[in-house]
PDB file of N, CA and C in Angstrom:
ATOM      1  N   MET A   1      82.642 106.276 108.110  1.00  0.00           N
ATOM      2  CA  MET A   1      83.247 105.015 107.736  1.00  0.00           C
ATOM      3  C   MET A   1      84.675 105.289 107.263  1.00  0.00           C
ATOM      4  N   ARG A   2      85.590 104.491 107.688  1.00  0.00           N
ATOM      5  CA  ARG A   2      86.986 104.652 107.308  1.00  0.00           C
ATOM      6  C   ARG A   2      87.299 103.825 106.070  1.00  0.00           C
ATOM      7  N   PHE A   3      87.948 104.459 105.120  1.00  0.00           N
ATOM      8  CA  PHE A   3      88.296 103.781 103.882  1.00  0.00           C
ATOM      9  C   PHE A   3      89.744 103.348 103.924  1.00  0.00           C
ATOM     10  N   SER A   4      90.007 102.136 103.480  1.00  0.00           N
ATOM     11  CA  SER A   4      91.346 101.569 103.491  1.00  0.00           C
ATOM     12  C   SER A   4      91.986 101.690 102.119  1.00  0.00           C
ATOM     13  N   PRO A   5      93.177 102.315 102.008  1.00  0.00           N
ATOM     14  CA  PRO A   5      93.855 102.381 100.708  1.00  0.00           C
ATOM     15  C   PRO A   5      94.676 101.115 100.462  1.00  0.00           C
ATOM     16  N   PHE A   6      94.667 100.636  99.233  1.00  0.00           N
ATOM     17  CA  PHE A   6      95.510  99.497  98.885  1.00  0.00           C
ATOM     18  C   PHE A   6      95.717  99.443  97.379  1.00  0.00           C
ATOM     19  N   PRO A   7      96.833  98.816  96.950  1.00  0.00           N
ATOM     20  CA  PRO A   7      97.092  98.669  95.513  1.00  0.00           C
ATOM     21  C   PRO A   7      96.581  97.329  95.001  1.00  0.00           C
ATOM     22  N   VAL A   8      96.131  97.319  93.754  1.00  0.00           N
ATOM     23  CA  VAL A   8      95.789  96.081  93.063  1.00  0.00           C
ATOM     24  C   VAL A   8      96.406  96.147  91.673  1.00  0.00           C
ATOM     25  N   THR A   9      96.700  94.993  91.106  1.00  0.00           N
ATOM     26  CA  THR A   9      97.175  94.927  89.734  1.00  0.00           C
ATOM     27  C   THR A   9      96.290  93.938  88.987  1.00  0.00           C
ATOM     28  N   LEU A  10      95.679  94.409  87.911  1.00  0.00           N
ATOM     29  CA  LEU A  10      94.831  93.580  87.068  1.00  0.00           C
ATOM     30  C   LEU A  10      95.700  93.055  85.933  1.00  0.00           C
ATOM     31  N   SER A  11      95.818  91.747  85.802  1.00  0.00           N
ATOM     32  CA  SER A  11      96.661  91.147  84.775  1.00  0.00           C
ATOM     33  C   SER A  11      95.848  90.831  83.528  1.00  0.00           C
ATOM     34  N   SER A  12      96.349  91.275  82.378  1.00  0.00           N
ATOM     35  CA  SER A  12      95.640  91.080  81.123  1.00  0.00           C
ATOM     36  C   SER A  12      96.056  89.775  80.459  1.00  0.00           C
ATOM     37  N   ALA A  13      95.110  89.172  79.757  1.00  0.00           N
ATOM     38  CA  ALA A  13      95.373  87.919  79.065  1.00  0.00           C
ATOM     39  C   ALA A  13      96.212  88.123  77.805  1.00  0.00           C
ATOM     40  N   ASN A  14      96.266  89.333  77.314  1.00  0.00           N
ATOM     41  CA  ASN A  14      97.084  89.654  76.144  1.00  0.00           C
ATOM     42  C   ASN A  14      97.400  91.139  76.173  1.00  0.00           C
ATOM     43  N   LYS A  15      97.827  91.701  75.089  1.00  0.00           N
ATOM     44  CA  LYS A  15      98.251  93.095  75.060  1.00  0.00           C
ATOM     45  C   LYS A  15      97.089  94.052  74.804  1.00  0.00           C
ATOM     46  N   VAL A  16      95.889  93.665  75.135  1.00  0.00           N
ATOM     47  CA  VAL A  16      94.714  94.480  74.836  1.00  0.00           C
ATOM     48  C   VAL A  16      94.754  95.856  75.502  1.00  0.00           C
ATOM     49  N   PRO A  17      95.140  95.983  76.786  1.00  0.00           N
ATOM     50  CA  PRO A  17      95.128  97.321  77.369  1.00  0.00           C
ATOM     51  C   PRO A  17      95.966  98.338  76.582  1.00  0.00           C
ATOM     52  N   ALA A  18      96.962  97.877  75.866  1.00  0.00           N
ATOM     53  CA  ALA A  18      97.819  98.792  75.119  1.00  0.00           C
ATOM     54  C   ALA A  18      97.446  98.862  73.642  1.00  0.00           C
ATOM     55  N   SER A  19      96.227  98.466  73.299  1.00  0.00           N
ATOM     56  CA  SER A  19      95.845  98.417  71.885  1.00  0.00           C
ATOM     57  C   SER A  19      94.941  99.574  71.472  1.00  0.00           C
ATOM     58  N   GLY A  20      95.142 100.731  72.062  1.00  0.00           N
ATOM     59  CA  GLY A  20      94.360 101.895  71.703  1.00  0.00           C
ATOM     60  C   GLY A  20      93.093 102.076  72.509  1.00  0.00           C
ATOM     61  N   LEU A  21      92.896 101.255  73.517  1.00  0.00           N
ATOM     62  CA  LEU A  21      91.693 101.341  74.338  1.00  0.00           C
ATOM     63  C   LEU A  21      91.971 101.920  75.721  1.00  0.00           C
ATOM     64  N   GLU A  22      93.133 102.540  75.889  1.00  0.00           N
ATOM     65  CA  GLU A  22      93.548 103.016  77.202  1.00  0.00           C
ATOM     66  C   GLU A  22      92.539 103.965  77.841  1.00  0.00           C
ATOM     67  N   ASP A  23      92.118 104.989  77.093  1.00  0.00           N
ATOM     68  CA  ASP A  23      91.188 105.975  77.645  1.00  0.00           C
ATOM     69  C   ASP A  23      89.838 105.354  77.981  1.00  0.00           C
ATOM     70  N   GLU A  24      89.367 104.490  77.112  1.00  0.00           N
ATOM     71  CA  GLU A  24      88.087 103.828  77.354  1.00  0.00           C
ATOM     72  C   GLU A  24      88.169 102.906  78.574  1.00  0.00           C
ATOM     73  N   LEU A  25      89.274 102.175  78.698  1.00  0.00           N
ATOM     74  CA  LEU A  25      89.462 101.283  79.841  1.00  0.00           C
ATOM     75  C   LEU A  25      89.522 102.086  81.141  1.00  0.00           C
ATOM     76  N   LYS A  26      90.258 103.191  81.143  1.00  0.00           N
ATOM     77  CA  LYS A  26      90.327 104.043  82.334  1.00  0.00           C
ATOM     78  C   LYS A  26      88.944 104.562  82.717  1.00  0.00           C
ATOM     79  N   ALA A  27      88.180 105.017  81.726  1.00  0.00           N
ATOM     80  CA  ALA A  27      86.839 105.539  81.998  1.00  0.00           C
ATOM     81  C   ALA A  27      85.930 104.458  82.579  1.00  0.00           C
ATOM     82  N   LEU A  28      86.009 103.242  82.042  1.00  0.00           N
ATOM     83  CA  LEU A  28      85.188 102.143  82.551  1.00  0.00           C
ATOM     84  C   LEU A  28      85.576 101.766  83.977  1.00  0.00           C
ATOM     85  N   LEU A  29      86.870 101.730  84.259  1.00  0.00           N
ATOM     86  CA  LEU A  29      87.320 101.425  85.621  1.00  0.00           C
ATOM     87  C   LEU A  29      86.847 102.496  86.595  1.00  0.00           C
ATOM     88  N   GLN A  30      86.937 103.767  86.197  1.00  0.00           N
ATOM     89  CA  GLN A  30      86.459 104.865  87.050  1.00  0.00           C
ATOM     90  C   GLN A  30      84.945 104.756  87.273  1.00  0.00           C
ATOM     91  N   GLU A  31      84.214 104.447  86.216  1.00  0.00           N
ATOM     92  CA  GLU A  31      82.759 104.323  86.298  1.00  0.00           C
ATOM     93  C   GLU A  31      82.350 103.228  87.280  1.00  0.00           C
ATOM     94  N   LYS A  32      82.974 102.053  87.157  1.00  0.00           N
ATOM     95  CA  LYS A  32      82.643 100.937  88.047  1.00  0.00           C
ATOM     96  C   LYS A  32      83.076 101.239  89.478  1.00  0.00           C
ATOM     97  N   ALA A  33      84.224 101.867  89.625  1.00  0.00           N
ATOM     98  CA  ALA A  33      84.703 102.228  90.959  1.00  0.00           C
ATOM     99  C   ALA A  33      83.714 103.166  91.647  1.00  0.00           C
ATOM    100  N   MET A  34      83.245 104.156  90.924  1.00  0.00           N
ATOM    101  CA  MET A  34      82.284 105.108  91.493  1.00  0.00           C
ATOM    102  C   MET A  34      80.996 104.389  91.896  1.00  0.00           C
ATOM    103  N   GLU A  35      80.537 103.483  91.043  1.00  0.00           N
ATOM    104  CA  GLU A  35      79.326 102.712  91.334  1.00  0.00           C
ATOM    105  C   GLU A  35      79.474 101.888  92.613  1.00  0.00           C
ATOM    106  N   MET A  36      80.695 101.398  92.868  1.00  0.00           N
ATOM    107  CA  MET A  36      80.953 100.555  94.038  1.00  0.00           C
ATOM    108  C   MET A  36      81.345 101.355  95.285  1.00  0.00           C
ATOM    109  N   GLY A  37      81.507 102.667  95.150  1.00  0.00           N
ATOM    110  CA  GLY A  37      81.912 103.486  96.285  1.00  0.00           C
ATOM    111  C   GLY A  37      83.407 103.491  96.514  1.00  0.00           C
ATOM    112  N   LEU A  38      84.178 103.194  95.467  1.00  0.00           N
ATOM    113  CA  LEU A  38      85.636 103.189  95.536  1.00  0.00           C
ATOM    114  C   LEU A  38      86.173 104.524  95.033  1.00  0.00           C
ATOM    115  N   THR A  39      87.402 104.842  95.420  1.00  0.00           N
ATOM    116  CA  THR A  39      88.086 106.003  94.880  1.00  0.00           C
ATOM    117  C   THR A  39      89.407 105.535  94.301  1.00  0.00           C
ATOM    118  N   ILE A  40      89.594 105.744  93.008  1.00  0.00           N
ATOM    119  CA  ILE A  40      90.869 105.403  92.379  1.00  0.00           C
ATOM    120  C   ILE A  40      91.797 106.592  92.542  1.00  0.00           C
ATOM    121  N   LYS A  41      92.888 106.386  93.270  1.00  0.00           N
ATOM    122  CA  LYS A  41      93.864 107.441  93.531  1.00  0.00           C
ATOM    123  C   LYS A  41      94.877 107.562  92.402  1.00  0.00           C
ATOM    124  N   ALA A  42      95.244 106.436  91.812  1.00  0.00           N
ATOM    125  CA  ALA A  42      96.209 106.412  90.704  1.00  0.00           C
ATOM    126  C   ALA A  42      95.970 105.153  89.891  1.00  0.00           C
ATOM    127  N   MET A  43      96.253 105.260  88.577  1.00  0.00           N
ATOM    128  CA  MET A  43      96.065 104.120  87.681  1.00  0.00           C
ATOM    129  C   MET A  43      96.943 104.339  86.456  1.00  0.00           C
ATOM    130  N   GLU A  44      97.595 103.296  85.988  1.00  0.00           N
ATOM    131  CA  GLU A  44      98.391 103.348  84.764  1.00  0.00           C
ATOM    132  C   GLU A  44      98.028 102.156  83.901  1.00  0.00           C
ATOM    133  N   ILE A  45      97.824 102.383  82.626  1.00  0.00           N
ATOM    134  CA  ILE A  45      97.529 101.297  81.692  1.00  0.00           C
ATOM    135  C   ILE A  45      98.851 100.836  81.094  1.00  0.00           C
ATOM    136  N   MET A  46      99.243  99.607  81.379  1.00  0.00           N
ATOM    137  CA  MET A  46     100.482  99.025  80.880  1.00  0.00           C
ATOM    138  C   MET A  46     100.136  97.997  79.794  1.00  0.00           C
ATOM    139  N   PRO A  47     101.121  97.535  79.022  1.00  0.00           N
ATOM    140  CA  PRO A  47     100.821  96.588  77.935  1.00  0.00           C
ATOM    141  C   PRO A  47     100.101  95.313  78.374  1.00  0.00           C
ATOM    142  N   ASP A  48     100.445  94.770  79.541  1.00  0.00           N
ATOM    143  CA  ASP A  48      99.827  93.507  79.945  1.00  0.00           C
ATOM    144  C   ASP A  48      99.263  93.502  81.363  1.00  0.00           C
ATOM    145  N   HIS A  49      99.189  94.668  81.987  1.00  0.00           N
ATOM    146  CA  HIS A  49      98.586  94.763  83.313  1.00  0.00           C
ATOM    147  C   HIS A  49      98.194  96.216  83.608  1.00  0.00           C
ATOM    148  N   VAL A  50      97.378  96.384  84.640  1.00  0.00           N
ATOM    149  CA  VAL A  50      96.931  97.712  85.039  1.00  0.00           C
ATOM    150  C   VAL A  50      97.101  97.847  86.552  1.00  0.00           C
ATOM    151  N   PRO A  51      98.155  98.552  87.002  1.00  0.00           N
ATOM    152  CA  PRO A  51      98.275  98.802  88.440  1.00  0.00           C
ATOM    153  C   PRO A  51      97.321  99.931  88.850  1.00  0.00           C
ATOM    154  N   VAL A  52      96.597  99.703  89.946  1.00  0.00           N
ATOM    155  CA  VAL A  52      95.607 100.663  90.431  1.00  0.00           C
ATOM    156  C   VAL A  52      95.805 100.838  91.934  1.00  0.00           C
ATOM    157  N   PHE A  53      95.805 102.081  92.392  1.00  0.00           N
ATOM    158  CA  PHE A  53      95.861 102.383  93.826  1.00  0.00           C
ATOM    159  C   PHE A  53      94.501 102.972  94.180  1.00  0.00           C
ATOM    160  N   LEU A  54      93.772 102.319  95.071  1.00  0.00           N
ATOM    161  CA  LEU A  54      92.414 102.754  95.363  1.00  0.00           C
ATOM    162  C   LEU A  54      92.101 102.692  96.843  1.00  0.00           C
ATOM    163  N   THR A  55      91.014 103.359  97.209  1.00  0.00           N
ATOM    164  CA  THR A  55      90.482 103.240  98.563  1.00  0.00           C
ATOM    165  C   THR A  55      89.104 102.606  98.452  1.00  0.00           C
ATOM    166  N   ALA A  56      88.781 101.821  99.477  1.00  0.00           N
ATOM    167  CA  ALA A  56      87.514 101.101  99.465  1.00  0.00           C
ATOM    168  C   ALA A  56      86.957 101.020 100.873  1.00  0.00           C
ATOM    169  N   PRO A  57      85.643 100.938 100.981  1.00  0.00           N
ATOM    170  CA  PRO A  57      85.063 100.735 102.305  1.00  0.00           C
ATOM    171  C   PRO A  57      85.487  99.366 102.842  1.00  0.00           C
ATOM    172  N   PRO A  58      85.654  99.248 104.134  1.00  0.00           N
ATOM    173  CA  PRO A  58      86.088  97.970 104.712  1.00  0.00           C
ATOM    174  C   PRO A  58      85.086  96.837 104.499  1.00  0.00           C
ATOM    175  N   SER A  59      83.861  97.161 104.138  1.00  0.00           N
ATOM    176  CA  SER A  59      82.851  96.122 103.914  1.00  0.00           C
ATOM    177  C   SER A  59      83.059  95.368 102.606  1.00  0.00           C
ATOM    178  N   LEU A  60      83.894  95.892 101.697  1.00  0.00           N
ATOM    179  CA  LEU A  60      84.151  95.230 100.416  1.00  0.00           C
ATOM    180  C   LEU A  60      85.468  94.470 100.466  1.00  0.00           C
ATOM    181  N   GLU A  61      85.425  93.205 100.137  1.00  0.00           N
ATOM    182  CA  GLU A  61      86.639  92.387 100.109  1.00  0.00           C
ATOM    183  C   GLU A  61      87.462  92.715  98.870  1.00  0.00           C
ATOM    184  N   PRO A  62      88.774  92.769  98.990  1.00  0.00           N
ATOM    185  CA  PRO A  62      89.624  93.103  97.838  1.00  0.00           C
ATOM    186  C   PRO A  62      89.407  92.201  96.625  1.00  0.00           C
ATOM    187  N   HIS A  63      89.246  90.894  96.833  1.00  0.00           N
ATOM    188  CA  HIS A  63      89.043  89.995  95.695  1.00  0.00           C
ATOM    189  C   HIS A  63      87.709  90.269  94.997  1.00  0.00           C
ATOM    190  N   TYR A  64      86.707  90.639  95.758  1.00  0.00           N
ATOM    191  CA  TYR A  64      85.417  91.009  95.175  1.00  0.00           C
ATOM    192  C   TYR A  64      85.582  92.253  94.298  1.00  0.00           C
ATOM    193  N   ILE A  65      86.324  93.236  94.791  1.00  0.00           N
ATOM    194  CA  ILE A  65      86.569  94.469  94.039  1.00  0.00           C
ATOM    195  C   ILE A  65      87.260  94.153  92.722  1.00  0.00           C
ATOM    196  N   VAL A  66      88.323  93.363  92.779  1.00  0.00           N
ATOM    197  CA  VAL A  66      89.079  93.002  91.575  1.00  0.00           C
ATOM    198  C   VAL A  66      88.174  92.271  90.583  1.00  0.00           C
ATOM    199  N   ASN A  67      87.408  91.308  91.061  1.00  0.00           N
ATOM    200  CA  ASN A  67      86.512  90.550  90.177  1.00  0.00           C
ATOM    201  C   ASN A  67      85.466  91.447  89.528  1.00  0.00           C
ATOM    202  N   GLN A  68      84.933  92.390  90.280  1.00  0.00           N
ATOM    203  CA  GLN A  68      83.946  93.316  89.729  1.00  0.00           C
ATOM    204  C   GLN A  68      84.556  94.216  88.656  1.00  0.00           C
ATOM    205  N   LEU A  69      85.747  94.753  88.920  1.00  0.00           N
ATOM    206  CA  LEU A  69      86.416  95.623  87.949  1.00  0.00           C
ATOM    207  C   LEU A  69      86.759  94.857  86.671  1.00  0.00           C
ATOM    208  N   LYS A  70      87.292  93.657  86.829  1.00  0.00           N
ATOM    209  CA  LYS A  70      87.660  92.848  85.662  1.00  0.00           C
ATOM    210  C   LYS A  70      86.424  92.425  84.865  1.00  0.00           C
ATOM    211  N   GLY A  71      85.412  91.934  85.552  1.00  0.00           N
ATOM    212  CA  GLY A  71      84.215  91.456  84.866  1.00  0.00           C
ATOM    213  C   GLY A  71      83.502  92.562  84.107  1.00  0.00           C
ATOM    214  N   TYR A  72      83.350  93.713  84.732  1.00  0.00           N
ATOM    215  CA  TYR A  72      82.660  94.825  84.110  1.00  0.00           C
ATOM    216  C   TYR A  72      83.401  95.314  82.863  1.00  0.00           C
ATOM    217  N   THR A  73      84.704  95.549  82.983  1.00  0.00           N
ATOM    218  CA  THR A  73      85.459  96.064  81.840  1.00  0.00           C
ATOM    219  C   THR A  73      85.531  95.044  80.711  1.00  0.00           C
ATOM    220  N   SER A  74      85.681  93.772  81.038  1.00  0.00           N
ATOM    221  CA  SER A  74      85.738  92.735  80.010  1.00  0.00           C
ATOM    222  C   SER A  74      84.416  92.642  79.255  1.00  0.00           C
ATOM    223  N   ARG A  75      83.315  92.686  79.983  1.00  0.00           N
ATOM    224  CA  ARG A  75      81.998  92.577  79.358  1.00  0.00           C
ATOM    225  C   ARG A  75      81.707  93.780  78.467  1.00  0.00           C
ATOM    226  N   ILE A  76      81.925  94.988  78.970  1.00  0.00           N
ATOM    227  CA  ILE A  76      81.599  96.192  78.200  1.00  0.00           C
ATOM    228  C   ILE A  76      82.518  96.327  76.982  1.00  0.00           C
ATOM    229  N   LEU A  77      83.806  96.134  77.170  1.00  0.00           N
ATOM    230  CA  LEU A  77      84.721  96.252  76.025  1.00  0.00           C
ATOM    231  C   LEU A  77      84.443  95.162  74.990  1.00  0.00           C
ATOM    232  N   GLY A  78      84.092  93.960  75.439  1.00  0.00           N
ATOM    233  CA  GLY A  78      83.769  92.875  74.514  1.00  0.00           C
ATOM    234  C   GLY A  78      82.518  93.161  73.702  1.00  0.00           C
ATOM    235  N   GLN A  79      81.547  93.823  74.328  1.00  0.00           N
ATOM    236  CA  GLN A  79      80.315  94.185  73.619  1.00  0.00           C
ATOM    237  C   GLN A  79      80.570  95.292  72.597  1.00  0.00           C
ATOM    238  N   GLU A  80      81.421  96.234  72.944  1.00  0.00           N
ATOM    239  CA  GLU A  80      81.658  97.392  72.083  1.00  0.00           C
ATOM    240  C   GLU A  80      82.716  97.143  71.008  1.00  0.00           C
ATOM    241  N   HIS A  81      83.600  96.182  71.251  1.00  0.00           N
ATOM    242  CA  HIS A  81      84.696  95.887  70.315  1.00  0.00           C
ATOM    243  C   HIS A  81      84.723  94.382  70.057  1.00  0.00           C
ATOM    244  N   LYS A  82      83.998  93.956  69.050  1.00  0.00           N
ATOM    245  CA  LYS A  82      83.849  92.520  68.764  1.00  0.00           C
ATOM    246  C   LYS A  82      85.186  91.828  68.493  1.00  0.00           C
ATOM    247  N   TRP A  83      86.169  92.552  67.980  1.00  0.00           N
ATOM    248  CA  TRP A  83      87.466  91.938  67.694  1.00  0.00           C
ATOM    249  C   TRP A  83      88.150  91.443  68.961  1.00  0.00           C
ATOM    250  N   LEU A  84      87.802  92.013  70.114  1.00  0.00           N
ATOM    251  CA  LEU A  84      88.383  91.528  71.373  1.00  0.00           C
ATOM    252  C   LEU A  84      87.931  90.104  71.670  1.00  0.00           C
ATOM    253  N   ARG A  85      86.675  89.808  71.375  1.00  0.00           N
ATOM    254  CA  ARG A  85      86.129  88.476  71.661  1.00  0.00           C
ATOM    255  C   ARG A  85      86.761  87.409  70.784  1.00  0.00           C
ATOM    256  N   SER A  86      87.221  87.790  69.598  1.00  0.00           N
ATOM    257  CA  SER A  86      87.835  86.808  68.715  1.00  0.00           C
ATOM    258  C   SER A  86      89.236  86.433  69.202  1.00  0.00           C
ATOM    259  N   ARG A  87      89.853  87.293  70.000  1.00  0.00           N
ATOM    260  CA  ARG A  87      91.190  87.010  70.531  1.00  0.00           C
ATOM    261  C   ARG A  87      91.116  86.043  71.713  1.00  0.00           C
ATOM    262  N   LEU A  88      90.291  86.372  72.661  1.00  0.00           N
ATOM    263  CA  LEU A  88      90.119  85.567  73.868  1.00  0.00           C
ATOM    264  C   LEU A  88      88.709  85.779  74.395  1.00  0.00           C
ATOM    265  N   PRO A  89      88.172  84.826  75.139  1.00  0.00           N
ATOM    266  CA  PRO A  89      86.824  85.011  75.682  1.00  0.00           C
ATOM    267  C   PRO A  89      86.764  86.096  76.763  1.00  0.00           C
ATOM    268  N   THR A  90      87.883  86.434  77.355  1.00  0.00           N
ATOM    269  CA  THR A  90      87.911  87.459  78.393  1.00  0.00           C
ATOM    270  C   THR A  90      89.162  88.316  78.260  1.00  0.00           C
ATOM    271  N   LEU A  91      89.067  89.527  78.717  1.00  0.00           N
ATOM    272  CA  LEU A  91      90.179  90.473  78.640  1.00  0.00           C
ATOM    273  C   LEU A  91      91.271  90.157  79.657  1.00  0.00           C
ATOM    274  N   TRP A  92      90.869  89.652  80.818  1.00  0.00           N
ATOM    275  CA  TRP A  92      91.788  89.497  81.952  1.00  0.00           C
ATOM    276  C   TRP A  92      92.124  88.037  82.243  1.00  0.00           C
ATOM    277  N   THR A  93      93.287  87.831  82.853  1.00  0.00           N
ATOM    278  CA  THR A  93      93.620  86.510  83.386  1.00  0.00           C
ATOM    279  C   THR A  93      92.963  86.376  84.754  1.00  0.00           C
ATOM    280  N   ARG A  94      93.068  85.224  85.349  1.00  0.00           N
ATOM    281  CA  ARG A  94      92.502  85.013  86.683  1.00  0.00           C
ATOM    282  C   ARG A  94      93.416  85.556  87.773  1.00  0.00           C
ATOM    283  N   SER A  95      94.644  85.900  87.415  1.00  0.00           N
ATOM    284  CA  SER A  95      95.585  86.361  88.430  1.00  0.00           C
ATOM    285  C   SER A  95      95.453  87.857  88.682  1.00  0.00           C
ATOM    286  N   SER A  96      95.859  88.260  89.873  1.00  0.00           N
ATOM    287  CA  SER A  96      95.886  89.667  90.244  1.00  0.00           C
ATOM    288  C   SER A  96      96.822  89.804  91.442  1.00  0.00           C
ATOM    289  N   TYR A  97      97.180  91.031  91.732  1.00  0.00           N
ATOM    290  CA  TYR A  97      97.992  91.320  92.915  1.00  0.00           C
ATOM    291  C   TYR A  97      97.192  92.260  93.796  1.00  0.00           C
ATOM    292  N   ILE A  98      97.143  91.961  95.075  1.00  0.00           N
ATOM    293  CA  ILE A  98      96.502  92.841  96.047  1.00  0.00           C
ATOM    294  C   ILE A  98      97.494  93.040  97.172  1.00  0.00           C
ATOM    295  N   GLY A  99      97.826  94.289  97.449  1.00  0.00           N
ATOM    296  CA  GLY A  99      98.806  94.587  98.490  1.00  0.00           C
ATOM    297  C   GLY A  99      98.200  95.427  99.585  1.00  0.00           C
ATOM    298  N   SER A 100      99.067  95.900 100.462  1.00  0.00           N
ATOM    299  CA  SER A 100      98.627  96.811 101.519  1.00  0.00           C
ATOM    300  C   SER A 100      99.258  98.172 101.268  1.00  0.00           C
ATOM    301  N   ALA A 101      98.677  99.206 101.811  1.00  0.00           N
ATOM    302  CA  ALA A 101      99.160 100.564 101.564  1.00  0.00           C
ATOM    303  C   ALA A 101     100.577 100.755 102.098  1.00  0.00           C
ATOM    304  N   GLY A 102     100.998  99.933 103.035  1.00  0.00           N
ATOM    305  CA  GLY A 102     102.332 100.068 103.585  1.00  0.00           C
ATOM    306  C   GLY A 102     103.423  99.728 102.586  1.00  0.00           C
ATOM    307  N   THR A 103     103.079  99.004 101.511  1.00  0.00           N
ATOM    308  CA  THR A 103     104.094  98.579 100.557  1.00  0.00           C
ATOM    309  C   THR A 103     104.087  99.372  99.263  1.00  0.00           C
ATOM    310  N   VAL A 104     102.977 100.012  98.934  1.00  0.00           N
ATOM    311  CA  VAL A 104     102.847 100.721  97.663  1.00  0.00           C
ATOM    312  C   VAL A 104     102.099 102.030  97.890  1.00  0.00           C
ATOM    313  N   SER A 105     102.519 103.074  97.193  1.00  0.00           N
ATOM    314  CA  SER A 105     101.825 104.353  97.277  1.00  0.00           C
ATOM    315  C   SER A 105     101.314 104.750  95.906  1.00  0.00           C
ATOM    316  N   ALA A 106     100.540 105.806  95.865  1.00  0.00           N
ATOM    317  CA  ALA A 106     100.026 106.304  94.588  1.00  0.00           C
ATOM    318  C   ALA A 106     101.160 106.692  93.657  1.00  0.00           C
ATOM    319  N   SER A 107     102.225 107.264  94.190  1.00  0.00           N
ATOM    320  CA  SER A 107     103.351 107.654  93.334  1.00  0.00           C
ATOM    321  C   SER A 107     104.053 106.429  92.755  1.00  0.00           C
ATOM    322  N   THR A 108     104.065 105.324  93.473  1.00  0.00           N
ATOM    323  CA  THR A 108     104.644 104.083  92.939  1.00  0.00           C
ATOM    324  C   THR A 108     103.858 103.621  91.718  1.00  0.00           C
ATOM    325  N   VAL A 109     102.541 103.688  91.793  1.00  0.00           N
ATOM    326  CA  VAL A 109     101.697 103.290  90.673  1.00  0.00           C
ATOM    327  C   VAL A 109     101.946 104.213  89.476  1.00  0.00           C
ATOM    328  N   GLU A 110     102.022 105.510  89.725  1.00  0.00           N
ATOM    329  CA  GLU A 110     102.250 106.477  88.654  1.00  0.00           C
ATOM    330  C   GLU A 110     103.604 106.282  87.993  1.00  0.00           C
ATOM    331  N   ASN A 111     104.591 105.801  88.746  1.00  0.00           N
ATOM    332  CA  ASN A 111     105.933 105.594  88.219  1.00  0.00           C
ATOM    333  C   ASN A 111     106.088 104.285  87.453  1.00  0.00           C
ATOM    334  N   GLN A 112     105.049 103.441  87.394  1.00  0.00           N
ATOM    335  CA  GLN A 112     105.125 102.160  86.694  1.00  0.00           C
ATOM    336  C   GLN A 112     105.414 102.315  85.217  1.00  0.00           C
ATOM    337  N   LYS A 113     105.000 103.421  84.620  1.00  0.00           N
ATOM    338  CA  LYS A 113     105.232 103.647  83.200  1.00  0.00           C
ATOM    339  C   LYS A 113     106.722 103.672  82.875  1.00  0.00           C
ATOM    340  N   GLY A 114     107.538 104.131  83.812  1.00  0.00           N
ATOM    341  CA  GLY A 114     108.967 104.254  83.581  1.00  0.00           C
ATOM    342  C   GLY A 114     109.732 102.955  83.729  1.00  0.00           C
ATOM    343  N   VAL A 115     109.065 101.912  84.226  1.00  0.00           N
ATOM    344  CA  VAL A 115     109.758 100.640  84.467  1.00  0.00           C
ATOM    345  C   VAL A 115     109.812  99.800  83.231  1.00  0.00           C
TER     346      VAL A 115
END
């Protein structure tokens, strides 16, 4: 089966990704990705978004992947850190960016920290 690489950006509803949960958020995203058969090539935790470069089987729709990653991380972090739930009912906004590999590479995602 051929895997298609593409970038996604998960938009946060507030500054939660930069509130000391970076390592935990990365681990949860990796865990869910592995469960879904995805490979995360690059990922950076930014104050209000998380750019991710991943490969996925063609049978999985990009919007489904984004929804699964957002839902899983929001639910687990909300259960483990009750103060997150008092800020907003969910960690993520409904918006996201999904591109094609022709426009973004893993090094572009890694360089997001410098922007």
